Amino acid sequence: MAGTAADVREVILELARRFKLKNLGRVHHLLGMEVNYMPGRMLCFSQTAYIERLAEKFGLASARPVRSPQFHHEKTLKIETDEAKINDPSLPYREIVGSLQYLVACTRPDLANAVRTLGRYMGAYTVENYRAAQRVVLYALATKRMGLVYRATPELPMLDAYCDADHQSCPETSRSVTGYLLRLHGNMWMWKSHSQRRVTEDTCGSELVACCECCKMVVWARELLLELGFGGKDLQVPLWCDNQSAIAVVASNGNTSRVRHMAKHARFINEYVQEEEVEVMYVPTSDNLADVFTKALGPAEFERQRSRLNVEDVPNAWVMVEAVADTEAGASSNADEDCEMLEA
């Protein structure tokens, strides 16, 4: 239940008239997530206990931790076709991947690309695939205190988005991978990593598809915010893309011979650009937040990108915000005392 304090009380009273209720106060645990909330300052979601149970269940509680969920530049393996090598019933592969998918959906966007890759082999998994799944669990265990940390940052754009693509990464189909995310005032709101539905001839094409998919979500998110009373009709959403060719195709409305077969994607985006609802802008690859959703990065780069996804050590973040709150409260108290002395 969300809303103003008065609205929440009104809803609770209406429910109490019809049902027997017990008010447990502010939520601390919800659907396997730990919730920490400091009004007006910070909101944190983590799944420490869930990760610990997950590691214990699959016999990895005391295994050696790892710094990243995938090896640097890890190539996507082909799906095994030898019946003797796949789907060993003694390996709980599908159970691990399903558990990890819940982590990605709730609090751990940094696992999105790794878990998407694991999902390719649900119908034909091997020992190598199972080891890759174990590595993701070990990484999650090593970072179990991490979760989504949302801060009150009204100075940042109300809504912005990043998109990226990894060209022809699938060894069987040559399909590319799309990754995108949306942020509210600099806080991660939505994220996705998935295979594209069609083969593209070049990087520009795959980036254009990713940009189009992201634009659809931006249009929906913008309309939702306006319906809820946030922003105005003049809200123009920055959509950041790291491929200048794709940006140029959008600007030309797809009217070039090389990409005429993909003109509908460019025209879809361009329509909202012309209406000043979306603005497609260039961002260097090193600053593209969606890069982590499309490929395996090295530990150092992965950790750098992770820190920009609002994925932080929740206890540390909580201690820091409490310290700031105490400092501000002390300063306010001192100011009040000074005013009282002056009045006296």
C-alpha atoms as a PDB file:
ATOM      1  CA  MET A   1       0.000   0.000   0.000  1.00  0.00           C
ATOM      2  CA  ALA A   2       1.415   3.367  -0.996  1.00  0.00           C
ATOM      3  CA  GLY A   3       0.310   6.978  -0.918  1.00  0.00           C
ATOM      4  CA  THR A   4       0.066   9.843   1.532  1.00  0.00           C
ATOM      5  CA  ALA A   5      -0.321   9.032   5.240  1.00  0.00           C
ATOM      6  CA  ALA A   6      -3.920  10.263   5.159  1.00  0.00           C
ATOM      7  CA  ASP A   7      -4.774   8.098   2.129  1.00  0.00           C
ATOM      8  CA  VAL A   8      -3.195   5.018   3.722  1.00  0.00           C
ATOM      9  CA  ARG A   9      -5.155   5.522   6.955  1.00  0.00           C
ATOM     10  CA  GLU A  10      -8.380   5.940   5.012  1.00  0.00           C
ATOM     11  CA  VAL A  11      -7.840   2.700   3.081  1.00  0.00           C
ATOM     12  CA  ILE A  12      -6.986   0.808   6.284  1.00  0.00           C
ATOM     13  CA  LEU A  13     -10.158   2.067   7.964  1.00  0.00           C
ATOM     14  CA  GLU A  14     -12.274   1.059   4.961  1.00  0.00           C
ATOM     15  CA  LEU A  15     -10.755  -2.435   4.974  1.00  0.00           C
ATOM     16  CA  ALA A  16     -11.219  -2.724   8.755  1.00  0.00           C
ATOM     17  CA  ARG A  17     -14.952  -2.106   8.337  1.00  0.00           C
ATOM     18  CA  ARG A  18     -15.221  -5.196   6.153  1.00  0.00           C
ATOM     19  CA  PHE A  19     -12.458  -7.510   7.376  1.00  0.00           C
ATOM     20  CA  LYS A  20     -10.668  -8.393  10.591  1.00  0.00           C
ATOM     21  CA  LEU A  21      -7.310  -6.606  10.383  1.00  0.00           C
ATOM     22  CA  LYS A  22      -4.101  -6.462  12.367  1.00  0.00           C
ATOM     23  CA  ASN A  23      -1.874  -3.477  11.596  1.00  0.00           C
ATOM     24  CA  LEU A  24       1.756  -4.622  11.745  1.00  0.00           C
ATOM     25  CA  GLY A  25       3.137  -1.170  11.009  1.00  0.00           C
ATOM     26  CA  ARG A  26       5.810  -0.382   8.480  1.00  0.00           C
ATOM     27  CA  VAL A  27       6.864  -3.304   6.272  1.00  0.00           C
ATOM     28  CA  HIS A  28      10.247  -4.916   6.980  1.00  0.00           C
ATOM     29  CA  HIS A  29       9.939  -8.164   5.014  1.00  0.00           C
ATOM     30  CA  LEU A  30       8.031  -8.642   1.768  1.00  0.00           C
ATOM     31  CA  LEU A  31       8.070 -11.655  -0.583  1.00  0.00           C
ATOM     32  CA  GLY A  32      11.576 -12.728   0.431  1.00  0.00           C
ATOM     33  CA  MET A  33      12.929  -9.170   0.449  1.00  0.00           C
ATOM     34  CA  GLU A  34      14.234  -7.163   3.389  1.00  0.00           C
ATOM     35  CA  VAL A  35      12.924  -3.586   3.323  1.00  0.00           C
ATOM     36  CA  ASN A  36      14.602  -0.623   5.043  1.00  0.00           C
ATOM     37  CA  TYR A  37      13.006   2.796   4.801  1.00  0.00           C
ATOM     38  CA  MET A  38      13.956   6.229   6.103  1.00  0.00           C
ATOM     39  CA  PRO A  39      11.194   8.691   5.108  1.00  0.00           C
ATOM     40  CA  GLY A  40      12.361  11.386   2.747  1.00  0.00           C
ATOM     41  CA  ARG A  41      15.880   9.992   2.497  1.00  0.00           C
ATOM     42  CA  MET A  42      16.365   6.386   1.458  1.00  0.00           C
ATOM     43  CA  LEU A  43      14.615   3.112   0.612  1.00  0.00           C
ATOM     44  CA  CYS A  44      16.526  -0.195   0.427  1.00  0.00           C
ATOM     45  CA  PHE A  45      15.555  -3.644  -0.867  1.00  0.00           C
ATOM     46  CA  SER A  46      17.829  -6.658  -0.316  1.00  0.00           C
ATOM     47  CA  GLN A  47      17.581 -10.470  -0.184  1.00  0.00           C
ATOM     48  CA  THR A  48      20.381 -11.533   2.150  1.00  0.00           C
ATOM     49  CA  ALA A  49      18.449 -14.355   3.838  1.00  0.00           C
ATOM     50  CA  TYR A  50      17.121 -15.612   0.488  1.00  0.00           C
ATOM     51  CA  ILE A  51      20.648 -15.829  -0.942  1.00  0.00           C
ATOM     52  CA  GLU A  52      21.945 -17.631   2.146  1.00  0.00           C
ATOM     53  CA  ARG A  53      19.158 -20.220   1.895  1.00  0.00           C
ATOM     54  CA  LEU A  54      19.837 -20.585  -1.824  1.00  0.00           C
ATOM     55  CA  ALA A  55      23.554 -21.282  -1.279  1.00  0.00           C
ATOM     56  CA  GLU A  56      22.805 -23.692   1.580  1.00  0.00           C
ATOM     57  CA  LYS A  57      20.226 -25.563  -0.482  1.00  0.00           C
ATOM     58  CA  PHE A  58      22.655 -26.240  -3.315  1.00  0.00           C
ATOM     59  CA  GLY A  59      25.671 -27.034  -1.127  1.00  0.00           C
ATOM     60  CA  LEU A  60      27.608 -23.836  -1.832  1.00  0.00           C
ATOM     61  CA  ALA A  61      27.452 -22.111   1.563  1.00  0.00           C
ATOM     62  CA  SER A  62      31.162 -22.646   2.304  1.00  0.00           C
ATOM     63  CA  ALA A  63      32.523 -22.491  -1.258  1.00  0.00           C
ATOM     64  CA  ARG A  64      35.080 -19.926  -2.394  1.00  0.00           C
ATOM     65  CA  PRO A  65      33.450 -16.600  -3.415  1.00  0.00           C
ATOM     66  CA  VAL A  66      33.989 -14.886  -6.782  1.00  0.00           C
ATOM     67  CA  ARG A  67      34.048 -11.198  -7.794  1.00  0.00           C
ATOM     68  CA  SER A  68      31.826 -11.403 -10.864  1.00  0.00           C
ATOM     69  CA  PRO A  69      29.022 -13.708 -12.055  1.00  0.00           C
ATOM     70  CA  GLN A  70      30.741 -14.459 -15.387  1.00  0.00           C
ATOM     71  CA  PHE A  71      34.278 -14.759 -16.696  1.00  0.00           C
ATOM     72  CA  HIS A  72      35.590 -11.744 -18.613  1.00  0.00           C
ATOM     73  CA  HIS A  73      34.545 -11.926 -22.294  1.00  0.00           C
ATOM     74  CA  GLU A  74      32.878 -15.261 -21.587  1.00  0.00           C
ATOM     75  CA  LYS A  75      31.556 -16.650 -24.871  1.00  0.00           C
ATOM     76  CA  THR A  76      28.052 -18.015 -25.131  1.00  0.00           C
ATOM     77  CA  LEU A  77      28.262 -21.802 -25.466  1.00  0.00           C
ATOM     78  CA  LYS A  78      26.362 -23.643 -28.149  1.00  0.00           C
ATOM     79  CA  ILE A  79      23.415 -25.703 -26.963  1.00  0.00           C
ATOM     80  CA  GLU A  80      24.552 -29.320 -26.646  1.00  0.00           C
ATOM     81  CA  THR A  81      22.731 -31.803 -28.894  1.00  0.00           C
ATOM     82  CA  ASP A  82      24.277 -35.055 -27.639  1.00  0.00           C
ATOM     83  CA  GLU A  83      21.509 -36.704 -25.605  1.00  0.00           C
ATOM     84  CA  ALA A  84      24.072 -38.485 -23.419  1.00  0.00           C
ATOM     85  CA  LYS A  85      25.521 -35.176 -22.207  1.00  0.00           C
ATOM     86  CA  ILE A  86      22.396 -33.192 -21.411  1.00  0.00           C
ATOM     87  CA  ASN A  87      19.725 -32.946 -18.725  1.00  0.00           C
ATOM     88  CA  ASP A  88      21.421 -34.987 -16.000  1.00  0.00           C
ATOM     89  CA  PRO A  89      18.615 -35.426 -13.415  1.00  0.00           C
ATOM     90  CA  SER A  90      21.161 -35.301 -10.570  1.00  0.00           C
ATOM     91  CA  LEU A  91      21.972 -31.662 -11.409  1.00  0.00           C
ATOM     92  CA  PRO A  92      19.302 -29.215 -10.136  1.00  0.00           C
ATOM     93  CA  TYR A  93      20.034 -26.790 -12.967  1.00  0.00           C
ATOM     94  CA  ARG A  94      16.510 -25.577 -13.632  1.00  0.00           C
ATOM     95  CA  GLU A  95      15.892 -25.055  -9.919  1.00  0.00           C
ATOM     96  CA  ILE A  96      19.014 -22.906  -9.537  1.00  0.00           C
ATOM     97  CA  VAL A  97      18.216 -20.791 -12.587  1.00  0.00           C
ATOM     98  CA  GLY A  98      14.620 -20.284 -11.470  1.00  0.00           C
ATOM     99  CA  SER A  99      15.812 -19.125  -8.048  1.00  0.00           C
ATOM    100  CA  LEU A 100      18.298 -16.731  -9.642  1.00  0.00           C
ATOM    101  CA  GLN A 101      15.621 -15.318 -11.933  1.00  0.00           C
ATOM    102  CA  TYR A 102      13.666 -14.245  -8.848  1.00  0.00           C
ATOM    103  CA  LEU A 103      16.756 -12.432  -7.563  1.00  0.00           C
ATOM    104  CA  VAL A 104      17.096 -10.569 -10.864  1.00  0.00           C
ATOM    105  CA  ALA A 105      13.426  -9.608 -10.901  1.00  0.00           C
ATOM    106  CA  CYS A 106      13.467  -8.234  -7.344  1.00  0.00           C
ATOM    107  CA  THR A 107      16.757  -6.693  -6.221  1.00  0.00           C
ATOM    108  CA  ARG A 108      19.754  -7.752  -8.306  1.00  0.00           C
ATOM    109  CA  PRO A 109      19.873  -6.251 -11.813  1.00  0.00           C
ATOM    110  CA  ASP A 110      23.639  -6.919 -11.846  1.00  0.00           C
ATOM    111  CA  LEU A 111      22.818 -10.627 -12.369  1.00  0.00           C
ATOM    112  CA  ALA A 112      20.561 -10.025 -15.385  1.00  0.00           C
ATOM    113  CA  ASN A 113      22.969 -10.884 -18.205  1.00  0.00           C
ATOM    114  CA  ALA A 114      24.405 -13.950 -16.467  1.00  0.00           C
ATOM    115  CA  VAL A 115      20.965 -15.372 -15.664  1.00  0.00           C
ATOM    116  CA  ARG A 116      19.677 -14.608 -19.174  1.00  0.00           C
ATOM    117  CA  THR A 117      22.595 -16.636 -20.549  1.00  0.00           C
ATOM    118  CA  LEU A 118      21.837 -19.543 -18.207  1.00  0.00           C
ATOM    119  CA  GLY A 119      18.222 -19.513 -19.333  1.00  0.00           C
ATOM    120  CA  ARG A 120      19.259 -20.527 -22.866  1.00  0.00           C
ATOM    121  CA  TYR A 121      20.074 -24.037 -21.661  1.00  0.00           C
ATOM    122  CA  MET A 122      16.964 -24.843 -19.644  1.00  0.00           C
ATOM    123  CA  GLY A 123      15.962 -27.502 -22.166  1.00  0.00           C
ATOM    124  CA  ALA A 124      19.434 -28.983 -22.721  1.00  0.00           C
ATOM    125  CA  TYR A 125      21.817 -28.209 -19.864  1.00  0.00           C
ATOM    126  CA  THR A 126      25.232 -29.787 -19.364  1.00  0.00           C
ATOM    127  CA  VAL A 127      27.778 -30.055 -16.555  1.00  0.00           C
ATOM    128  CA  GLU A 128      29.499 -26.912 -17.913  1.00  0.00           C
ATOM    129  CA  ASN A 129      26.211 -24.995 -17.764  1.00  0.00           C
ATOM    130  CA  TYR A 130      25.649 -26.190 -14.191  1.00  0.00           C
ATOM    131  CA  ARG A 131      29.096 -24.964 -13.150  1.00  0.00           C
ATOM    132  CA  ALA A 132      28.305 -21.574 -14.688  1.00  0.00           C
ATOM    133  CA  ALA A 133      25.098 -21.456 -12.629  1.00  0.00           C
ATOM    134  CA  GLN A 134      27.066 -22.329  -9.492  1.00  0.00           C
ATOM    135  CA  ARG A 135      29.414 -19.431 -10.191  1.00  0.00           C
ATOM    136  CA  VAL A 136      26.486 -17.005 -10.263  1.00  0.00           C
ATOM    137  CA  VAL A 137      25.292 -18.342  -6.890  1.00  0.00           C
ATOM    138  CA  LEU A 138      28.812 -17.925  -5.463  1.00  0.00           C
ATOM    139  CA  TYR A 139      28.913 -14.337  -6.666  1.00  0.00           C
ATOM    140  CA  ALA A 140      25.488 -13.665  -5.156  1.00  0.00           C
ATOM    141  CA  LEU A 141      26.666 -15.177  -1.866  1.00  0.00           C
ATOM    142  CA  ALA A 142      29.816 -13.034  -1.859  1.00  0.00           C
ATOM    143  CA  THR A 143      27.638  -9.934  -2.332  1.00  0.00           C
ATOM    144  CA  LYS A 144      24.638 -11.077  -0.285  1.00  0.00           C
ATOM    145  CA  ARG A 145      24.430  -7.787   1.630  1.00  0.00           C
ATOM    146  CA  MET A 146      23.973  -5.876  -1.609  1.00  0.00           C
ATOM    147  CA  GLY A 147      20.637  -4.701  -2.879  1.00  0.00           C
ATOM    148  CA  LEU A 148      18.826  -1.781  -4.446  1.00  0.00           C
ATOM    149  CA  VAL A 149      19.421   1.511  -2.648  1.00  0.00           C
ATOM    150  CA  TYR A 150      17.078   4.333  -3.625  1.00  0.00           C
ATOM    151  CA  ARG A 151      17.882   7.870  -2.514  1.00  0.00           C
ATOM    152  CA  ALA A 152      15.870  11.079  -2.657  1.00  0.00           C
ATOM    153  CA  THR A 153      17.606  12.908  -5.523  1.00  0.00           C
ATOM    154  CA  PRO A 154      15.076  15.382  -6.961  1.00  0.00           C
ATOM    155  CA  GLU A 155      17.864  17.302  -8.720  1.00  0.00           C
ATOM    156  CA  LEU A 156      18.337  14.438 -11.225  1.00  0.00           C
ATOM    157  CA  PRO A 157      16.082  13.970 -14.297  1.00  0.00           C
ATOM    158  CA  MET A 158      12.641  12.629 -13.457  1.00  0.00           C
ATOM    159  CA  LEU A 159      12.938   9.878 -16.053  1.00  0.00           C
ATOM    160  CA  ASP A 160      15.801   8.747 -18.281  1.00  0.00           C
ATOM    161  CA  ALA A 161      16.766   5.537 -20.082  1.00  0.00           C
ATOM    162  CA  TYR A 162      19.811   3.681 -21.421  1.00  0.00           C
ATOM    163  CA  CYS A 163      19.904   1.020 -24.131  1.00  0.00           C
ATOM    164  CA  ASP A 164      22.593  -1.232 -25.583  1.00  0.00           C
ATOM    165  CA  ALA A 165      23.016  -4.301 -27.778  1.00  0.00           C
ATOM    166  CA  ASP A 166      25.587  -7.059 -28.247  1.00  0.00           C
ATOM    167  CA  HIS A 167      25.652  -7.908 -31.960  1.00  0.00           C
ATOM    168  CA  GLN A 168      25.085 -11.546 -33.017  1.00  0.00           C
ATOM    169  CA  SER A 169      26.094 -13.038 -29.670  1.00  0.00           C
ATOM    170  CA  CYS A 170      24.014 -16.215 -30.105  1.00  0.00           C
ATOM    171  CA  PRO A 171      26.169 -18.941 -31.748  1.00  0.00           C
ATOM    172  CA  GLU A 172      23.152 -20.865 -33.119  1.00  0.00           C
ATOM    173  CA  THR A 173      20.926 -18.110 -34.476  1.00  0.00           C
ATOM    174  CA  SER A 174      23.280 -15.097 -34.735  1.00  0.00           C
ATOM    175  CA  ARG A 175      20.690 -13.053 -32.886  1.00  0.00           C
ATOM    176  CA  SER A 176      21.817 -10.097 -30.805  1.00  0.00           C
ATOM    177  CA  VAL A 177      21.137  -9.253 -27.168  1.00  0.00           C
ATOM    178  CA  THR A 178      19.143  -6.222 -26.029  1.00  0.00           C
ATOM    179  CA  GLY A 179      19.730  -4.562 -22.684  1.00  0.00           C
ATOM    180  CA  TYR A 180      17.999  -1.481 -21.339  1.00  0.00           C
ATOM    181  CA  LEU A 181      17.066   0.261 -18.111  1.00  0.00           C
ATOM    182  CA  LEU A 182      14.870   3.130 -16.956  1.00  0.00           C
ATOM    183  CA  ARG A 183      15.595   5.385 -13.979  1.00  0.00           C
ATOM    184  CA  LEU A 184      13.479   7.691 -11.835  1.00  0.00           C
ATOM    185  CA  HIS A 185      15.515  10.605 -10.487  1.00  0.00           C
ATOM    186  CA  GLY A 186      18.669   8.528 -10.955  1.00  0.00           C
ATOM    187  CA  ASN A 187      17.213   5.402  -9.291  1.00  0.00           C
ATOM    188  CA  MET A 188      16.835   2.117 -11.177  1.00  0.00           C
ATOM    189  CA  TRP A 189      13.198   1.439 -11.966  1.00  0.00           C
ATOM    190  CA  MET A 190      13.050  -1.123 -14.771  1.00  0.00           C
ATOM    191  CA  TRP A 191      15.684  -3.272 -16.443  1.00  0.00           C
ATOM    192  CA  LYS A 192      15.801  -6.049 -18.990  1.00  0.00           C
ATOM    193  CA  SER A 193      18.286  -8.317 -20.764  1.00  0.00           C
ATOM    194  CA  HIS A 194      16.978 -10.602 -23.509  1.00  0.00           C
ATOM    195  CA  SER A 195      17.666 -11.974 -26.986  1.00  0.00           C
ATOM    196  CA  GLN A 196      16.304 -10.090 -29.965  1.00  0.00           C
ATOM    197  CA  ARG A 197      13.618 -11.749 -32.070  1.00  0.00           C
ATOM    198  CA  ARG A 198      15.303 -11.197 -35.419  1.00  0.00           C
ATOM    199  CA  VAL A 199      18.788 -11.403 -36.914  1.00  0.00           C
ATOM    200  CA  THR A 200      20.375  -8.058 -37.767  1.00  0.00           C
ATOM    201  CA  GLU A 201      23.106  -7.597 -40.355  1.00  0.00           C
ATOM    202  CA  ASP A 202      25.272  -5.149 -38.456  1.00  0.00           C
ATOM    203  CA  THR A 203      25.800  -3.452 -35.116  1.00  0.00           C
ATOM    204  CA  CYS A 204      23.761  -0.440 -36.184  1.00  0.00           C
ATOM    205  CA  GLY A 205      20.756  -2.673 -36.803  1.00  0.00           C
ATOM    206  CA  SER A 206      20.967  -4.439 -33.455  1.00  0.00           C
ATOM    207  CA  GLU A 207      21.393  -1.113 -31.635  1.00  0.00           C
ATOM    208  CA  LEU A 208      18.375   0.275 -33.498  1.00  0.00           C
ATOM    209  CA  VAL A 209      16.244  -2.677 -32.373  1.00  0.00           C
ATOM    210  CA  ALA A 210      17.397  -2.192 -28.774  1.00  0.00           C
ATOM    211  CA  CYS A 211      16.681   1.530 -28.957  1.00  0.00           C
ATOM    212  CA  CYS A 212      13.191   0.866 -30.318  1.00  0.00           C
ATOM    213  CA  GLU A 213      12.371  -1.625 -27.554  1.00  0.00           C
ATOM    214  CA  CYS A 214      13.621   0.800 -24.927  1.00  0.00           C
ATOM    215  CA  CYS A 215      11.617   3.627 -26.491  1.00  0.00           C
ATOM    216  CA  LYS A 216       8.417   1.591 -26.127  1.00  0.00           C
ATOM    217  CA  MET A 217       9.022   1.259 -22.398  1.00  0.00           C
ATOM    218  CA  VAL A 218       9.894   4.954 -22.123  1.00  0.00           C
ATOM    219  CA  VAL A 219       6.615   5.942 -23.786  1.00  0.00           C
ATOM    220  CA  TRP A 220       4.667   3.686 -21.417  1.00  0.00           C
ATOM    221  CA  ALA A 221       6.563   4.924 -18.336  1.00  0.00           C
ATOM    222  CA  ARG A 222       6.081   8.557 -19.333  1.00  0.00           C
ATOM    223  CA  GLU A 223       2.331   8.097 -19.724  1.00  0.00           C
ATOM    224  CA  LEU A 224       2.163   6.321 -16.362  1.00  0.00           C
ATOM    225  CA  LEU A 225       3.957   9.173 -14.600  1.00  0.00           C
ATOM    226  CA  LEU A 226       1.673  11.754 -16.201  1.00  0.00           C
ATOM    227  CA  GLU A 227      -1.395   9.747 -15.183  1.00  0.00           C
ATOM    228  CA  LEU A 228      -0.123   9.666 -11.590  1.00  0.00           C
ATOM    229  CA  GLY A 229       0.402  13.418 -11.629  1.00  0.00           C
ATOM    230  CA  PHE A 230       4.185  13.537 -11.947  1.00  0.00           C
ATOM    231  CA  GLY A 231       5.746  15.859 -14.496  1.00  0.00           C
ATOM    232  CA  GLY A 232       3.957  17.794 -17.187  1.00  0.00           C
ATOM    233  CA  LYS A 233       3.043  17.322 -20.822  1.00  0.00           C
ATOM    234  CA  ASP A 234       6.393  18.910 -21.688  1.00  0.00           C
ATOM    235  CA  LEU A 235       8.313  16.019 -20.046  1.00  0.00           C
ATOM    236  CA  GLN A 236      11.005  15.001 -22.569  1.00  0.00           C
ATOM    237  CA  VAL A 237      12.832  11.791 -21.678  1.00  0.00           C
ATOM    238  CA  PRO A 238      16.549  11.379 -22.540  1.00  0.00           C
ATOM    239  CA  LEU A 239      17.190   7.989 -24.174  1.00  0.00           C
ATOM    240  CA  TRP A 240      20.933   7.318 -24.134  1.00  0.00           C
ATOM    241  CA  CYS A 241      22.497   5.172 -26.879  1.00  0.00           C
ATOM    242  CA  ASP A 242      26.197   4.474 -27.519  1.00  0.00           C
ATOM    243  CA  ASN A 243      25.903   3.911 -31.287  1.00  0.00           C
ATOM    244  CA  GLN A 244      26.092   7.097 -33.354  1.00  0.00           C
ATOM    245  CA  SER A 245      25.035   5.309 -36.543  1.00  0.00           C
ATOM    246  CA  ALA A 246      21.757   4.224 -34.947  1.00  0.00           C
ATOM    247  CA  ILE A 247      21.158   7.772 -33.696  1.00  0.00           C
ATOM    248  CA  ALA A 248      21.772   9.103 -37.223  1.00  0.00           C
ATOM    249  CA  VAL A 249      19.327   6.579 -38.697  1.00  0.00           C
ATOM    250  CA  VAL A 250      16.651   7.722 -36.252  1.00  0.00           C
ATOM    251  CA  ALA A 251      17.335  11.355 -37.174  1.00  0.00           C
ATOM    252  CA  SER A 252      16.973  10.522 -40.891  1.00  0.00           C
ATOM    253  CA  ASN A 253      13.704   8.660 -40.217  1.00  0.00           C
ATOM    254  CA  GLY A 254      15.208   5.523 -41.753  1.00  0.00           C
ATOM    255  CA  ASN A 255      15.431   7.077 -45.213  1.00  0.00           C
ATOM    256  CA  THR A 256      18.779   5.569 -46.213  1.00  0.00           C
ATOM    257  CA  SER A 257      19.271   2.671 -48.615  1.00  0.00           C
ATOM    258  CA  ARG A 258      21.392   0.689 -46.169  1.00  0.00           C
ATOM    259  CA  VAL A 259      18.707   0.426 -43.487  1.00  0.00           C
ATOM    260  CA  ARG A 260      15.442   0.695 -45.393  1.00  0.00           C
ATOM    261  CA  HIS A 261      14.504  -2.796 -44.223  1.00  0.00           C
ATOM    262  CA  MET A 262      14.543  -1.464 -40.633  1.00  0.00           C
ATOM    263  CA  ALA A 263      12.881   1.867 -41.330  1.00  0.00           C
ATOM    264  CA  LYS A 264       9.855   1.067 -39.168  1.00  0.00           C
ATOM    265  CA  HIS A 265      12.058   0.957 -36.053  1.00  0.00           C
ATOM    266  CA  ALA A 266      13.592   4.329 -36.854  1.00  0.00           C
ATOM    267  CA  ARG A 267      10.221   5.868 -37.690  1.00  0.00           C
ATOM    268  CA  PHE A 268       8.656   4.604 -34.483  1.00  0.00           C
ATOM    269  CA  ILE A 269      11.354   6.323 -32.410  1.00  0.00           C
ATOM    270  CA  ASN A 270      11.433   9.416 -34.607  1.00  0.00           C
ATOM    271  CA  GLU A 271       7.705   9.970 -34.176  1.00  0.00           C
ATOM    272  CA  TYR A 272       8.152  10.464 -30.423  1.00  0.00           C
ATOM    273  CA  VAL A 273      11.291  12.518 -30.990  1.00  0.00           C
ATOM    274  CA  GLN A 274       9.339  14.886 -33.239  1.00  0.00           C
ATOM    275  CA  GLU A 275       6.611  15.155 -30.607  1.00  0.00           C
ATOM    276  CA  GLU A 276       9.336  16.065 -28.080  1.00  0.00           C
ATOM    277  CA  GLU A 277       8.433  13.200 -25.774  1.00  0.00           C
ATOM    278  CA  VAL A 278      11.763  11.389 -26.247  1.00  0.00           C
ATOM    279  CA  GLU A 279      15.244  12.681 -27.059  1.00  0.00           C
ATOM    280  CA  VAL A 280      17.785  10.150 -28.349  1.00  0.00           C
ATOM    281  CA  MET A 281      21.245  11.164 -27.159  1.00  0.00           C
ATOM    282  CA  TYR A 282      24.765   9.773 -27.471  1.00  0.00           C
ATOM    283  CA  VAL A 283      26.671   8.342 -24.522  1.00  0.00           C
ATOM    284  CA  PRO A 284      30.164   6.741 -24.665  1.00  0.00           C
ATOM    285  CA  THR A 285      30.169   2.975 -24.152  1.00  0.00           C
ATOM    286  CA  SER A 286      32.149   3.361 -20.927  1.00  0.00           C
ATOM    287  CA  ASP A 287      29.304   5.469 -19.506  1.00  0.00           C
ATOM    288  CA  ASN A 288      26.430   3.394 -20.872  1.00  0.00           C
ATOM    289  CA  LEU A 289      24.704   1.836 -17.860  1.00  0.00           C
ATOM    290  CA  ALA A 290      23.032  -0.798 -20.058  1.00  0.00           C
ATOM    291  CA  ASP A 291      26.389  -2.255 -21.141  1.00  0.00           C
ATOM    292  CA  VAL A 292      26.378  -4.634 -18.168  1.00  0.00           C
ATOM    293  CA  PHE A 293      23.109  -6.189 -19.436  1.00  0.00           C
ATOM    294  CA  THR A 294      24.525  -7.356 -22.769  1.00  0.00           C
ATOM    295  CA  LYS A 295      27.955  -8.900 -22.174  1.00  0.00           C
ATOM    296  CA  ALA A 296      30.296 -10.400 -19.583  1.00  0.00           C
ATOM    297  CA  LEU A 297      32.642  -7.775 -18.126  1.00  0.00           C
ATOM    298  CA  GLY A 298      35.874  -8.107 -16.174  1.00  0.00           C
ATOM    299  CA  PRO A 299      35.674  -7.827 -12.358  1.00  0.00           C
ATOM    300  CA  ALA A 300      36.935  -4.223 -12.171  1.00  0.00           C
ATOM    301  CA  GLU A 301      34.660  -2.893 -14.940  1.00  0.00           C
ATOM    302  CA  PHE A 302      31.748  -4.984 -13.686  1.00  0.00           C
ATOM    303  CA  GLU A 303      32.059  -3.536 -10.174  1.00  0.00           C
ATOM    304  CA  ARG A 304      32.277  -0.011 -11.592  1.00  0.00           C
ATOM    305  CA  GLN A 305      29.107  -0.486 -13.621  1.00  0.00           C
ATOM    306  CA  ARG A 306      27.331  -2.228 -10.743  1.00  0.00           C
ATOM    307  CA  SER A 307      27.879   0.758  -8.466  1.00  0.00           C
ATOM    308  CA  ARG A 308      25.953   2.912 -10.962  1.00  0.00           C
ATOM    309  CA  LEU A 309      22.908   0.611 -10.930  1.00  0.00           C
ATOM    310  CA  ASN A 310      21.944   1.516  -7.339  1.00  0.00           C
ATOM    311  CA  VAL A 311      23.271  -1.902  -6.271  1.00  0.00           C
ATOM    312  CA  GLU A 312      25.145  -1.210  -3.041  1.00  0.00           C
ATOM    313  CA  ASP A 313      26.050  -2.730   0.308  1.00  0.00           C
ATOM    314  CA  VAL A 314      22.787  -1.986   2.122  1.00  0.00           C
ATOM    315  CA  PRO A 315      24.075  -1.970   5.747  1.00  0.00           C
ATOM    316  CA  ASN A 316      26.888   0.430   4.816  1.00  0.00           C
ATOM    317  CA  ALA A 317      24.522   2.706   2.900  1.00  0.00           C
ATOM    318  CA  TRP A 318      22.124   2.699   5.856  1.00  0.00           C
ATOM    319  CA  VAL A 319      24.876   3.638   8.339  1.00  0.00           C
ATOM    320  CA  MET A 320      25.967   6.517   6.113  1.00  0.00           C
ATOM    321  CA  VAL A 321      22.488   7.973   5.698  1.00  0.00           C
ATOM    322  CA  GLU A 322      21.846   7.672   9.449  1.00  0.00           C
ATOM    323  CA  ALA A 323      25.083   9.556  10.125  1.00  0.00           C
ATOM    324  CA  VAL A 324      24.013  12.334   7.751  1.00  0.00           C
ATOM    325  CA  ALA A 325      20.575  12.493   9.374  1.00  0.00           C
ATOM    326  CA  ASP A 326      22.124  12.718  12.861  1.00  0.00           C
ATOM    327  CA  THR A 327      24.511  15.460  11.721  1.00  0.00           C
ATOM    328  CA  GLU A 328      21.689  17.493  10.203  1.00  0.00           C
ATOM    329  CA  ALA A 329      19.541  16.983  13.302  1.00  0.00           C
ATOM    330  CA  GLY A 330      22.412  18.178  15.500  1.00  0.00           C
ATOM    331  CA  ALA A 331      22.982  21.234  13.332  1.00  0.00           C
ATOM    332  CA  SER A 332      19.265  22.064  13.419  1.00  0.00           C
ATOM    333  CA  SER A 333      19.201  21.697  17.211  1.00  0.00           C
ATOM    334  CA  ASN A 334      22.201  24.001  17.595  1.00  0.00           C
ATOM    335  CA  ALA A 335      20.579  26.574  15.317  1.00  0.00           C
ATOM    336  CA  ASP A 336      17.399  26.497  17.426  1.00  0.00           C
ATOM    337  CA  GLU A 337      19.427  27.007  20.611  1.00  0.00           C
ATOM    338  CA  ASP A 338      21.235  29.977  19.055  1.00  0.00           C
ATOM    339  CA  CYS A 339      17.912  31.543  18.094  1.00  0.00           C
ATOM    340  CA  GLU A 340      16.572  31.088  21.630  1.00  0.00           C
ATOM    341  CA  MET A 341      19.680  32.765  23.088  1.00  0.00           C
ATOM    342  CA  LEU A 342      19.323  35.711  20.723  1.00  0.00           C
ATOM    343  CA  GLU A 343      15.652  36.119  21.600  1.00  0.00           C
ATOM    344  CA  ALA A 344      16.521  36.033  25.316  1.00  0.00           C
END
